[in-house]
């Protein structure tokens, strides 16, 4: 007899981890995902076309392998529109395959797709929001992952005298992201390595979650307020607000806050059922790894990133007694 379906949570990642090779593999193995990518971009592509962005449904599903470098070479906003649309499509595919969420979590830029999933934004307005974010991302500064606690990170920032570097993200109890000007960031990275802390520069040519971006956040908020937001129809959690959004929240401002405020996954995920089934709704697996650390009793999967994900046997995900260890290995580890 199959176990009952657990609480399902879709967690939407930000911009730091968007590989395209896993997407190519997943759409080749899942006709539902292929169709959902096509359908979502049928709604989003007309928005991008007004900015000179190529038809992404053809670019992402065509025979030629598209790379992140290809996206970067396209008009500004292409990468953001692609990430938004792909996340929305993965969510839609999982809904069709018996994994509709009971709640969603938006992590930084992922708040836009999460709001669409929660019924607060249409896909075209989500596309407009993604492009608005791209308009206000500064081309100065960078972000770096430190494999240590936020307390230790604060100590390193103090030792380095890096007053312009800020803690941007608490990804897990032992992983912290910092953001700041390039020169100051390099000083902190070197000091961290001297103290045995691994420092990895994020492959994202922008600064985010930094208090210096008040003007950019103000401009983004004004642009987003031109869109139509409605109250979430299912619970929607913001990793920047670090709580569930309510009908009284200014959702446009919540997205804009991602430019200037830090996020905390441990604080946000503490509100979720500890044994939930959490699906990373993106193409990478970094967010799923953080969730496993924070919620060790949860079933965590990254459907596109993990080759073993059972696209054709969704009920197996909540039937541990009926699934072999080999079947589980691809999506539980």
C-alpha atoms as a PDB file:
ATOM      1  CA  UNK A   1       0.000   0.000   0.000  1.00  0.00           C
ATOM      2  CA  UNK A   2       1.389   3.403  -0.967  1.00  0.00           C
ATOM      3  CA  UNK A   3       2.196   6.000   1.678  1.00  0.00           C
ATOM      4  CA  UNK A   4       0.181   9.199   1.668  1.00  0.00           C
ATOM      5  CA  UNK A   5       1.418  12.156  -0.345  1.00  0.00           C
ATOM      6  CA  UNK A   6       3.496  14.534   1.810  1.00  0.00           C
ATOM      7  CA  UNK A   7       3.449  18.305   1.819  1.00  0.00           C
ATOM      8  CA  UNK A   8       5.082  19.381  -1.443  1.00  0.00           C
ATOM      9  CA  UNK A   9       7.152  22.560  -1.651  1.00  0.00           C
ATOM     10  CA  UNK A  10       8.573  24.128  -4.815  1.00  0.00           C
ATOM     11  CA  UNK A  11      11.647  26.253  -4.128  1.00  0.00           C
ATOM     12  CA  UNK A  12      12.728  28.666  -6.851  1.00  0.00           C
ATOM     13  CA  UNK A  13      16.442  29.552  -7.098  1.00  0.00           C
ATOM     14  CA  UNK A  14      18.083  32.870  -7.851  1.00  0.00           C
ATOM     15  CA  UNK A  15      20.473  33.745 -10.635  1.00  0.00           C
ATOM     16  CA  UNK A  16      23.697  32.185  -9.409  1.00  0.00           C
ATOM     17  CA  UNK A  17      23.173  28.632 -10.689  1.00  0.00           C
ATOM     18  CA  UNK A  18      21.535  28.290 -14.116  1.00  0.00           C
ATOM     19  CA  UNK A  19      23.289  25.588 -16.218  1.00  0.00           C
ATOM     20  CA  UNK A  20      21.592  24.748 -19.513  1.00  0.00           C
ATOM     21  CA  UNK A  21      23.003  21.253 -20.168  1.00  0.00           C
ATOM     22  CA  UNK A  22      20.739  19.621 -17.531  1.00  0.00           C
ATOM     23  CA  UNK A  23      17.723  21.316 -19.106  1.00  0.00           C
ATOM     24  CA  UNK A  24      18.618  19.903 -22.508  1.00  0.00           C
ATOM     25  CA  UNK A  25      18.851  16.397 -21.028  1.00  0.00           C
ATOM     26  CA  UNK A  26      15.602  16.725 -19.068  1.00  0.00           C
ATOM     27  CA  UNK A  27      13.457  17.997 -21.947  1.00  0.00           C
ATOM     28  CA  UNK A  28      14.783  15.153 -24.089  1.00  0.00           C
ATOM     29  CA  UNK A  29      13.542  12.624 -21.525  1.00  0.00           C
ATOM     30  CA  UNK A  30      10.282  14.302 -20.536  1.00  0.00           C
ATOM     31  CA  UNK A  31       7.714  15.203 -23.156  1.00  0.00           C
ATOM     32  CA  UNK A  32       5.684  17.021 -20.499  1.00  0.00           C
ATOM     33  CA  UNK A  33       8.607  19.264 -19.576  1.00  0.00           C
ATOM     34  CA  UNK A  34       9.381  19.904 -23.250  1.00  0.00           C
ATOM     35  CA  UNK A  35       5.795  21.006 -23.853  1.00  0.00           C
ATOM     36  CA  UNK A  36       5.684  23.163 -20.726  1.00  0.00           C
ATOM     37  CA  UNK A  37       8.876  24.999 -21.733  1.00  0.00           C
ATOM     38  CA  UNK A  38       7.326  25.641 -25.148  1.00  0.00           C
ATOM     39  CA  UNK A  39       4.012  26.794 -23.648  1.00  0.00           C
ATOM     40  CA  UNK A  40       5.511  29.124 -21.039  1.00  0.00           C
ATOM     41  CA  UNK A  41       7.774  30.837 -23.546  1.00  0.00           C
ATOM     42  CA  UNK A  42       4.885  31.156 -25.972  1.00  0.00           C
ATOM     43  CA  UNK A  43       3.507  33.533 -23.330  1.00  0.00           C
ATOM     44  CA  UNK A  44       6.838  35.122 -22.360  1.00  0.00           C
ATOM     45  CA  UNK A  45       8.551  35.484 -25.751  1.00  0.00           C
ATOM     46  CA  UNK A  46       6.328  38.366 -26.993  1.00  0.00           C
ATOM     47  CA  UNK A  47       7.454  40.374 -23.949  1.00  0.00           C
ATOM     48  CA  UNK A  48      11.097  39.697 -24.750  1.00  0.00           C
ATOM     49  CA  UNK A  49      10.598  40.464 -28.441  1.00  0.00           C
ATOM     50  CA  UNK A  50       9.834  44.079 -27.554  1.00  0.00           C
ATOM     51  CA  UNK A  51      13.369  44.252 -26.145  1.00  0.00           C
ATOM     52  CA  UNK A  52      15.013  42.585 -29.141  1.00  0.00           C
ATOM     53  CA  UNK A  53      15.377  39.230 -27.358  1.00  0.00           C
ATOM     54  CA  UNK A  54      15.272  36.178 -29.684  1.00  0.00           C
ATOM     55  CA  UNK A  55      12.448  33.645 -29.463  1.00  0.00           C
ATOM     56  CA  UNK A  56      13.658  31.648 -26.464  1.00  0.00           C
ATOM     57  CA  UNK A  57      11.340  28.672 -26.901  1.00  0.00           C
ATOM     58  CA  UNK A  58      13.149  27.890 -30.148  1.00  0.00           C
ATOM     59  CA  UNK A  59      16.592  28.719 -28.758  1.00  0.00           C
ATOM     60  CA  UNK A  60      16.165  26.539 -25.663  1.00  0.00           C
ATOM     61  CA  UNK A  61      14.499  23.602 -27.423  1.00  0.00           C
ATOM     62  CA  UNK A  62      16.367  23.702 -30.740  1.00  0.00           C
ATOM     63  CA  UNK A  63      18.908  21.188 -31.958  1.00  0.00           C
ATOM     64  CA  UNK A  64      21.882  23.456 -31.195  1.00  0.00           C
ATOM     65  CA  UNK A  65      23.169  23.315 -27.617  1.00  0.00           C
ATOM     66  CA  UNK A  66      22.660  26.743 -26.056  1.00  0.00           C
ATOM     67  CA  UNK A  67      25.142  27.845 -23.389  1.00  0.00           C
ATOM     68  CA  UNK A  68      25.233  30.448 -20.683  1.00  0.00           C
ATOM     69  CA  UNK A  69      27.778  32.320 -22.766  1.00  0.00           C
ATOM     70  CA  UNK A  70      25.275  32.398 -25.621  1.00  0.00           C
ATOM     71  CA  UNK A  71      22.669  33.939 -23.311  1.00  0.00           C
ATOM     72  CA  UNK A  72      25.167  36.539 -22.103  1.00  0.00           C
ATOM     73  CA  UNK A  73      25.893  37.536 -25.704  1.00  0.00           C
ATOM     74  CA  UNK A  74      22.203  38.178 -26.404  1.00  0.00           C
ATOM     75  CA  UNK A  75      20.434  41.471 -25.552  1.00  0.00           C
ATOM     76  CA  UNK A  76      20.370  42.540 -21.886  1.00  0.00           C
ATOM     77  CA  UNK A  77      17.707  40.711 -19.922  1.00  0.00           C
ATOM     78  CA  UNK A  78      17.885  37.507 -21.983  1.00  0.00           C
ATOM     79  CA  UNK A  79      19.429  35.439 -19.188  1.00  0.00           C
ATOM     80  CA  UNK A  80      16.896  36.714 -16.656  1.00  0.00           C
ATOM     81  CA  UNK A  81      13.952  36.033 -18.965  1.00  0.00           C
ATOM     82  CA  UNK A  82      15.292  32.547 -19.706  1.00  0.00           C
ATOM     83  CA  UNK A  83      15.738  31.662 -16.020  1.00  0.00           C
ATOM     84  CA  UNK A  84      12.294  32.956 -15.119  1.00  0.00           C
ATOM     85  CA  UNK A  85      10.598  31.053 -17.946  1.00  0.00           C
ATOM     86  CA  UNK A  86      12.466  27.806 -17.353  1.00  0.00           C
ATOM     87  CA  UNK A  87      11.589  27.850 -13.632  1.00  0.00           C
ATOM     88  CA  UNK A  88       7.937  28.560 -14.450  1.00  0.00           C
ATOM     89  CA  UNK A  89       7.949  25.677 -16.957  1.00  0.00           C
ATOM     90  CA  UNK A  90       9.497  23.185 -14.530  1.00  0.00           C
ATOM     91  CA  UNK A  91       6.889  24.145 -11.944  1.00  0.00           C
ATOM     92  CA  UNK A  92       4.110  23.686 -14.505  1.00  0.00           C
ATOM     93  CA  UNK A  93       5.466  20.270 -15.545  1.00  0.00           C
ATOM     94  CA  UNK A  94       5.672  19.053 -11.950  1.00  0.00           C
ATOM     95  CA  UNK A  95       2.089  20.178 -11.386  1.00  0.00           C
ATOM     96  CA  UNK A  96       0.970  18.072 -14.345  1.00  0.00           C
ATOM     97  CA  UNK A  97       2.873  15.091 -12.980  1.00  0.00           C
ATOM     98  CA  UNK A  98       1.241  14.947  -9.539  1.00  0.00           C
ATOM     99  CA  UNK A  99       3.728  17.212  -7.749  1.00  0.00           C
ATOM    100  CA  UNK A 100       1.701  20.414  -7.470  1.00  0.00           C
ATOM    101  CA  UNK A 101       2.990  22.407  -4.486  1.00  0.00           C
ATOM    102  CA  UNK A 102       1.238  23.033  -1.210  1.00  0.00           C
ATOM    103  CA  UNK A 103       3.596  25.992  -0.766  1.00  0.00           C
ATOM    104  CA  UNK A 104       6.311  27.797  -2.731  1.00  0.00           C
ATOM    105  CA  UNK A 105       9.542  29.506  -1.675  1.00  0.00           C
ATOM    106  CA  UNK A 106      11.187  32.280  -3.677  1.00  0.00           C
ATOM    107  CA  UNK A 107      14.935  32.748  -3.281  1.00  0.00           C
ATOM    108  CA  UNK A 108      16.027  36.195  -4.486  1.00  0.00           C
ATOM    109  CA  UNK A 109      15.269  36.469  -8.239  1.00  0.00           C
ATOM    110  CA  UNK A 110      13.301  33.225  -7.836  1.00  0.00           C
ATOM    111  CA  UNK A 111      10.576  35.234  -6.099  1.00  0.00           C
ATOM    112  CA  UNK A 112       9.213  36.235  -9.504  1.00  0.00           C
ATOM    113  CA  UNK A 113       8.582  32.685 -10.712  1.00  0.00           C
ATOM    114  CA  UNK A 114       7.372  31.717  -7.232  1.00  0.00           C
ATOM    115  CA  UNK A 115       4.783  34.504  -7.340  1.00  0.00           C
ATOM    116  CA  UNK A 116       3.608  33.238 -10.715  1.00  0.00           C
ATOM    117  CA  UNK A 117       3.337  29.733  -9.282  1.00  0.00           C
ATOM    118  CA  UNK A 118       1.318  31.097  -6.363  1.00  0.00           C
ATOM    119  CA  UNK A 119      -1.091  32.848  -8.735  1.00  0.00           C
ATOM    120  CA  UNK A 120       0.075  36.385  -7.892  1.00  0.00           C
ATOM    121  CA  UNK A 121       1.489  37.210 -11.341  1.00  0.00           C
ATOM    122  CA  UNK A 122       0.668  36.157 -14.882  1.00  0.00           C
ATOM    123  CA  UNK A 123       3.476  34.714 -17.000  1.00  0.00           C
ATOM    124  CA  UNK A 124       3.667  37.850 -19.205  1.00  0.00           C
ATOM    125  CA  UNK A 125       3.876  40.104 -16.146  1.00  0.00           C
ATOM    126  CA  UNK A 126       6.428  37.733 -14.624  1.00  0.00           C
ATOM    127  CA  UNK A 127       8.473  38.142 -17.803  1.00  0.00           C
ATOM    128  CA  UNK A 128       8.169  41.921 -17.495  1.00  0.00           C
ATOM    129  CA  UNK A 129       9.311  41.705 -13.877  1.00  0.00           C
ATOM    130  CA  UNK A 130      12.330  39.595 -14.860  1.00  0.00           C
ATOM    131  CA  UNK A 131      13.346  42.156 -17.472  1.00  0.00           C
ATOM    132  CA  UNK A 132      12.840  44.994 -15.001  1.00  0.00           C
ATOM    133  CA  UNK A 133      15.250  43.313 -12.591  1.00  0.00           C
ATOM    134  CA  UNK A 134      17.796  43.057 -15.399  1.00  0.00           C
ATOM    135  CA  UNK A 135      17.437  46.805 -16.031  1.00  0.00           C
ATOM    136  CA  UNK A 136      18.462  47.657 -12.479  1.00  0.00           C
ATOM    137  CA  UNK A 137      21.212  45.117 -11.803  1.00  0.00           C
ATOM    138  CA  UNK A 138      24.471  47.103 -11.492  1.00  0.00           C
ATOM    139  CA  UNK A 139      27.515  46.129 -13.525  1.00  0.00           C
ATOM    140  CA  UNK A 140      29.810  46.783 -10.585  1.00  0.00           C
ATOM    141  CA  UNK A 141      30.883  44.374  -7.863  1.00  0.00           C
ATOM    142  CA  UNK A 142      30.495  40.630  -7.538  1.00  0.00           C
ATOM    143  CA  UNK A 143      29.429  37.913  -5.070  1.00  0.00           C
ATOM    144  CA  UNK A 144      31.392  35.095  -3.425  1.00  0.00           C
ATOM    145  CA  UNK A 145      30.418  31.932  -1.548  1.00  0.00           C
ATOM    146  CA  UNK A 146      32.280  31.247   1.696  1.00  0.00           C
ATOM    147  CA  UNK A 147      31.990  27.762   3.170  1.00  0.00           C
ATOM    148  CA  UNK A 148      31.604  28.924   6.737  1.00  0.00           C
ATOM    149  CA  UNK A 149      29.068  30.338   9.179  1.00  0.00           C
ATOM    150  CA  UNK A 150      27.735  33.870   9.054  1.00  0.00           C
ATOM    151  CA  UNK A 151      29.416  34.569  12.410  1.00  0.00           C
ATOM    152  CA  UNK A 152      32.802  33.503  11.063  1.00  0.00           C
ATOM    153  CA  UNK A 153      32.127  35.504   7.919  1.00  0.00           C
ATOM    154  CA  UNK A 154      31.516  38.623   9.983  1.00  0.00           C
ATOM    155  CA  UNK A 155      34.837  38.029  11.738  1.00  0.00           C
ATOM    156  CA  UNK A 156      36.637  37.757   8.390  1.00  0.00           C
ATOM    157  CA  UNK A 157      35.026  40.962   7.138  1.00  0.00           C
ATOM    158  CA  UNK A 158      36.172  42.729  10.307  1.00  0.00           C
ATOM    159  CA  UNK A 159      39.719  41.379  10.000  1.00  0.00           C
ATOM    160  CA  UNK A 160      39.876  42.463   6.374  1.00  0.00           C
ATOM    161  CA  UNK A 161      38.535  45.926   7.160  1.00  0.00           C
ATOM    162  CA  UNK A 162      36.061  45.344   4.322  1.00  0.00           C
ATOM    163  CA  UNK A 163      33.370  47.793   5.334  1.00  0.00           C
ATOM    164  CA  UNK A 164      31.966  47.830   1.786  1.00  0.00           C
ATOM    165  CA  UNK A 165      31.437  44.044   1.711  1.00  0.00           C
ATOM    166  CA  UNK A 166      28.138  42.748   3.074  1.00  0.00           C
ATOM    167  CA  UNK A 167      26.665  39.379   3.922  1.00  0.00           C
ATOM    168  CA  UNK A 168      24.191  38.739   1.107  1.00  0.00           C
ATOM    169  CA  UNK A 169      22.866  35.232   1.751  1.00  0.00           C
ATOM    170  CA  UNK A 170      22.791  32.587   4.450  1.00  0.00           C
ATOM    171  CA  UNK A 171      22.409  29.519   2.256  1.00  0.00           C
ATOM    172  CA  UNK A 172      22.862  27.074   5.139  1.00  0.00           C
ATOM    173  CA  UNK A 173      24.412  27.075   8.607  1.00  0.00           C
ATOM    174  CA  UNK A 174      27.827  26.530   6.979  1.00  0.00           C
ATOM    175  CA  UNK A 175      27.534  28.456   3.697  1.00  0.00           C
ATOM    176  CA  UNK A 176      27.423  32.225   3.430  1.00  0.00           C
ATOM    177  CA  UNK A 177      27.475  34.539   0.406  1.00  0.00           C
ATOM    178  CA  UNK A 178      29.110  37.956   0.507  1.00  0.00           C
ATOM    179  CA  UNK A 179      28.780  40.805  -1.982  1.00  0.00           C
ATOM    180  CA  UNK A 180      30.767  43.961  -2.612  1.00  0.00           C
ATOM    181  CA  UNK A 181      33.196  45.857  -4.834  1.00  0.00           C
ATOM    182  CA  UNK A 182      35.701  43.693  -6.698  1.00  0.00           C
ATOM    183  CA  UNK A 183      38.842  44.950  -4.931  1.00  0.00           C
ATOM    184  CA  UNK A 184      37.378  44.587  -1.454  1.00  0.00           C
ATOM    185  CA  UNK A 185      35.903  41.203  -2.299  1.00  0.00           C
ATOM    186  CA  UNK A 186      39.317  39.953  -3.450  1.00  0.00           C
ATOM    187  CA  UNK A 187      40.861  40.974  -0.111  1.00  0.00           C
ATOM    188  CA  UNK A 188      38.241  39.021   1.827  1.00  0.00           C
ATOM    189  CA  UNK A 189      38.623  35.987  -0.449  1.00  0.00           C
ATOM    190  CA  UNK A 190      42.386  35.910   0.075  1.00  0.00           C
ATOM    191  CA  UNK A 191      42.023  36.284   3.846  1.00  0.00           C
ATOM    192  CA  UNK A 192      39.403  33.552   3.978  1.00  0.00           C
ATOM    193  CA  UNK A 193      41.700  31.105   2.186  1.00  0.00           C
ATOM    194  CA  UNK A 194      44.519  31.978   4.585  1.00  0.00           C
ATOM    195  CA  UNK A 195      42.198  30.936   7.408  1.00  0.00           C
ATOM    196  CA  UNK A 196      41.213  27.678   5.729  1.00  0.00           C
ATOM    197  CA  UNK A 197      37.856  28.867   4.439  1.00  0.00           C
ATOM    198  CA  UNK A 198      36.987  27.977   0.858  1.00  0.00           C
ATOM    199  CA  UNK A 199      35.982  31.038  -1.201  1.00  0.00           C
ATOM    200  CA  UNK A 200      34.316  30.629  -4.596  1.00  0.00           C
ATOM    201  CA  UNK A 201      33.384  33.568  -6.815  1.00  0.00           C
ATOM    202  CA  UNK A 202      29.839  33.207  -8.185  1.00  0.00           C
ATOM    203  CA  UNK A 203      29.638  33.188 -11.973  1.00  0.00           C
ATOM    204  CA  UNK A 204      27.339  36.184 -12.077  1.00  0.00           C
ATOM    205  CA  UNK A 205      28.644  39.560 -13.309  1.00  0.00           C
ATOM    206  CA  UNK A 206      26.510  41.641 -10.956  1.00  0.00           C
ATOM    207  CA  UNK A 207      26.206  42.819  -7.388  1.00  0.00           C
ATOM    208  CA  UNK A 208      23.072  41.976  -5.409  1.00  0.00           C
ATOM    209  CA  UNK A 209      21.764  41.929  -1.836  1.00  0.00           C
ATOM    210  CA  UNK A 210      23.914  44.960  -1.049  1.00  0.00           C
ATOM    211  CA  UNK A 211      22.809  48.051   0.912  1.00  0.00           C
ATOM    212  CA  UNK A 212      24.482  50.402  -1.585  1.00  0.00           C
ATOM    213  CA  UNK A 213      21.817  49.621  -4.191  1.00  0.00           C
ATOM    214  CA  UNK A 214      19.093  51.820  -2.705  1.00  0.00           C
ATOM    215  CA  UNK A 215      18.673  53.905  -5.865  1.00  0.00           C
ATOM    216  CA  UNK A 216      18.444  50.794  -8.032  1.00  0.00           C
ATOM    217  CA  UNK A 217      15.919  49.211  -5.656  1.00  0.00           C
ATOM    218  CA  UNK A 218      13.822  52.369  -5.738  1.00  0.00           C
ATOM    219  CA  UNK A 219      13.791  52.406  -9.529  1.00  0.00           C
ATOM    220  CA  UNK A 220      12.964  48.698  -9.681  1.00  0.00           C
ATOM    221  CA  UNK A 221      10.111  49.131  -7.228  1.00  0.00           C
ATOM    222  CA  UNK A 222       8.620  51.909  -9.355  1.00  0.00           C
ATOM    223  CA  UNK A 223       8.859  49.749 -12.483  1.00  0.00           C
ATOM    224  CA  UNK A 224       7.303  46.731 -10.789  1.00  0.00           C
ATOM    225  CA  UNK A 225       4.393  48.730  -9.414  1.00  0.00           C
ATOM    226  CA  UNK A 226       3.174  49.109 -12.999  1.00  0.00           C
ATOM    227  CA  UNK A 227       2.416  45.379 -13.037  1.00  0.00           C
ATOM    228  CA  UNK A 228      -0.667  43.629 -11.686  1.00  0.00           C
ATOM    229  CA  UNK A 229      -0.051  41.646  -8.493  1.00  0.00           C
ATOM    230  CA  UNK A 230      -2.723  39.727  -6.597  1.00  0.00           C
ATOM    231  CA  UNK A 231      -2.574  37.950  -3.245  1.00  0.00           C
ATOM    232  CA  UNK A 232      -0.940  34.494  -3.352  1.00  0.00           C
ATOM    233  CA  UNK A 233      -3.459  31.667  -3.685  1.00  0.00           C
ATOM    234  CA  UNK A 234      -1.166  29.203  -1.892  1.00  0.00           C
ATOM    235  CA  UNK A 235       1.412  29.905   0.827  1.00  0.00           C
ATOM    236  CA  UNK A 236       4.360  31.799  -0.673  1.00  0.00           C
ATOM    237  CA  UNK A 237       7.522  32.321   1.360  1.00  0.00           C
ATOM    238  CA  UNK A 238      10.206  34.908   0.622  1.00  0.00           C
ATOM    239  CA  UNK A 239      13.789  34.085   1.615  1.00  0.00           C
ATOM    240  CA  UNK A 240      14.515  37.829   1.742  1.00  0.00           C
ATOM    241  CA  UNK A 241      11.500  38.707   3.904  1.00  0.00           C
ATOM    242  CA  UNK A 242      12.265  35.425   5.720  1.00  0.00           C
ATOM    243  CA  UNK A 243       8.585  34.673   6.204  1.00  0.00           C
ATOM    244  CA  UNK A 244       5.340  33.924   4.405  1.00  0.00           C
ATOM    245  CA  UNK A 245       3.925  36.730   2.287  1.00  0.00           C
ATOM    246  CA  UNK A 246       0.429  37.920   3.157  1.00  0.00           C
ATOM    247  CA  UNK A 247      -2.376  39.693   1.301  1.00  0.00           C
ATOM    248  CA  UNK A 248      -1.231  42.942   2.941  1.00  0.00           C
ATOM    249  CA  UNK A 249       2.332  42.729   1.592  1.00  0.00           C
ATOM    250  CA  UNK A 250       3.614  44.967  -1.183  1.00  0.00           C
ATOM    251  CA  UNK A 251       4.800  42.186  -3.493  1.00  0.00           C
ATOM    252  CA  UNK A 252       6.469  44.550  -5.963  1.00  0.00           C
ATOM    253  CA  UNK A 253       8.527  46.018  -3.137  1.00  0.00           C
ATOM    254  CA  UNK A 254       9.341  42.503  -1.925  1.00  0.00           C
ATOM    255  CA  UNK A 255      11.059  41.760  -5.239  1.00  0.00           C
ATOM    256  CA  UNK A 256      12.868  45.110  -5.176  1.00  0.00           C
ATOM    257  CA  UNK A 257      14.092  44.370  -1.649  1.00  0.00           C
ATOM    258  CA  UNK A 258      16.140  41.511  -3.101  1.00  0.00           C
ATOM    259  CA  UNK A 259      18.606  44.099  -4.406  1.00  0.00           C
ATOM    260  CA  UNK A 260      19.402  45.558  -0.992  1.00  0.00           C
ATOM    261  CA  UNK A 261      18.432  43.077   1.726  1.00  0.00           C
ATOM    262  CA  UNK A 262      20.120  39.773   2.695  1.00  0.00           C
ATOM    263  CA  UNK A 263      18.317  36.445   2.575  1.00  0.00           C
ATOM    264  CA  UNK A 264      18.318  33.544   4.996  1.00  0.00           C
ATOM    265  CA  UNK A 265      17.282  30.061   3.937  1.00  0.00           C
ATOM    266  CA  UNK A 266      17.544  28.492   7.424  1.00  0.00           C
ATOM    267  CA  UNK A 267      15.175  31.078   8.888  1.00  0.00           C
ATOM    268  CA  UNK A 268      12.724  30.818   5.998  1.00  0.00           C
ATOM    269  CA  UNK A 269      12.655  27.030   5.782  1.00  0.00           C
ATOM    270  CA  UNK A 270      12.091  26.692   9.521  1.00  0.00           C
ATOM    271  CA  UNK A 271       8.414  27.432   8.795  1.00  0.00           C
ATOM    272  CA  UNK A 272       8.046  24.388   6.519  1.00  0.00           C
ATOM    273  CA  UNK A 273       7.039  20.862   7.595  1.00  0.00           C
ATOM    274  CA  UNK A 274      10.350  19.108   8.382  1.00  0.00           C
ATOM    275  CA  UNK A 275       9.347  16.024   6.384  1.00  0.00           C
ATOM    276  CA  UNK A 276       8.134  17.879   3.302  1.00  0.00           C
ATOM    277  CA  UNK A 277       9.005  16.869  -0.239  1.00  0.00           C
ATOM    278  CA  UNK A 278      10.998  19.857  -1.526  1.00  0.00           C
ATOM    279  CA  UNK A 279      11.672  20.222  -5.259  1.00  0.00           C
ATOM    280  CA  UNK A 280      14.235  22.716  -6.548  1.00  0.00           C
ATOM    281  CA  UNK A 281      12.518  24.332  -9.512  1.00  0.00           C
ATOM    282  CA  UNK A 282      15.605  25.257 -11.516  1.00  0.00           C
ATOM    283  CA  UNK A 283      18.346  23.610 -13.558  1.00  0.00           C
ATOM    284  CA  UNK A 284      21.089  23.450 -10.922  1.00  0.00           C
ATOM    285  CA  UNK A 285      21.376  21.523  -7.680  1.00  0.00           C
ATOM    286  CA  UNK A 286      23.014  23.992  -5.282  1.00  0.00           C
ATOM    287  CA  UNK A 287      19.764  25.023  -3.656  1.00  0.00           C
ATOM    288  CA  UNK A 288      18.717  21.413  -3.094  1.00  0.00           C
ATOM    289  CA  UNK A 289      22.032  20.772  -1.328  1.00  0.00           C
ATOM    290  CA  UNK A 290      21.342  23.652   1.050  1.00  0.00           C
ATOM    291  CA  UNK A 291      17.822  22.402   1.748  1.00  0.00           C
ATOM    292  CA  UNK A 292      19.155  18.934   2.610  1.00  0.00           C
ATOM    293  CA  UNK A 293      21.450  20.503   5.195  1.00  0.00           C
ATOM    294  CA  UNK A 294      18.693  22.614   6.720  1.00  0.00           C
ATOM    295  CA  UNK A 295      15.883  20.001   6.582  1.00  0.00           C
ATOM    296  CA  UNK A 296      17.614  16.616   7.003  1.00  0.00           C
ATOM    297  CA  UNK A 297      14.305  14.756   7.409  1.00  0.00           C
ATOM    298  CA  UNK A 298      12.848  16.140   4.185  1.00  0.00           C
ATOM    299  CA  UNK A 299      12.801  14.406   0.804  1.00  0.00           C
ATOM    300  CA  UNK A 300      14.668  16.805  -1.462  1.00  0.00           C
ATOM    301  CA  UNK A 301      15.014  16.604  -5.220  1.00  0.00           C
ATOM    302  CA  UNK A 302      16.268  18.709  -8.091  1.00  0.00           C
ATOM    303  CA  UNK A 303      14.289  17.221 -10.988  1.00  0.00           C
ATOM    304  CA  UNK A 304      16.219  18.791 -13.861  1.00  0.00           C
ATOM    305  CA  UNK A 305      19.706  18.574 -12.340  1.00  0.00           C
ATOM    306  CA  UNK A 306      19.445  14.936 -11.194  1.00  0.00           C
ATOM    307  CA  UNK A 307      19.527  12.327 -13.932  1.00  0.00           C
ATOM    308  CA  UNK A 308      17.771   9.762 -11.752  1.00  0.00           C
ATOM    309  CA  UNK A 309      14.632  11.791 -11.183  1.00  0.00           C
ATOM    310  CA  UNK A 310      11.590   9.575 -11.951  1.00  0.00           C
ATOM    311  CA  UNK A 311       9.703  11.834 -14.359  1.00  0.00           C
ATOM    312  CA  UNK A 312       7.511   8.889 -15.373  1.00  0.00           C
ATOM    313  CA  UNK A 313       6.722   7.569 -11.868  1.00  0.00           C
ATOM    314  CA  UNK A 314       5.828  10.519  -9.684  1.00  0.00           C
ATOM    315  CA  UNK A 315       3.903   8.527  -7.027  1.00  0.00           C
ATOM    316  CA  UNK A 316       7.140   6.665  -6.261  1.00  0.00           C
ATOM    317  CA  UNK A 317       8.443   9.837  -4.639  1.00  0.00           C
ATOM    318  CA  UNK A 318       6.047   9.459  -1.729  1.00  0.00           C
ATOM    319  CA  UNK A 319       6.078   5.668  -1.519  1.00  0.00           C
ATOM    320  CA  UNK A 320       9.377   4.821   0.204  1.00  0.00           C
ATOM    321  CA  UNK A 321       8.351   1.229   0.887  1.00  0.00           C
ATOM    322  CA  UNK A 322       7.664   0.603  -2.798  1.00  0.00           C
ATOM    323  CA  UNK A 323      10.859   2.115  -4.214  1.00  0.00           C
ATOM    324  CA  UNK A 324      14.245   0.437  -4.288  1.00  0.00           C
ATOM    325  CA  UNK A 325      17.389   2.114  -2.985  1.00  0.00           C
ATOM    326  CA  UNK A 326      18.757   2.308  -6.518  1.00  0.00           C
ATOM    327  CA  UNK A 327      15.646   4.155  -7.709  1.00  0.00           C
ATOM    328  CA  UNK A 328      15.864   6.621  -4.848  1.00  0.00           C
ATOM    329  CA  UNK A 329      19.567   7.309  -5.195  1.00  0.00           C
ATOM    330  CA  UNK A 330      19.238   9.872  -7.963  1.00  0.00           C
ATOM    331  CA  UNK A 331      16.812  12.123  -6.136  1.00  0.00           C
ATOM    332  CA  UNK A 332      17.337  11.628  -2.418  1.00  0.00           C
ATOM    333  CA  UNK A 333      21.082  12.156  -2.110  1.00  0.00           C
END
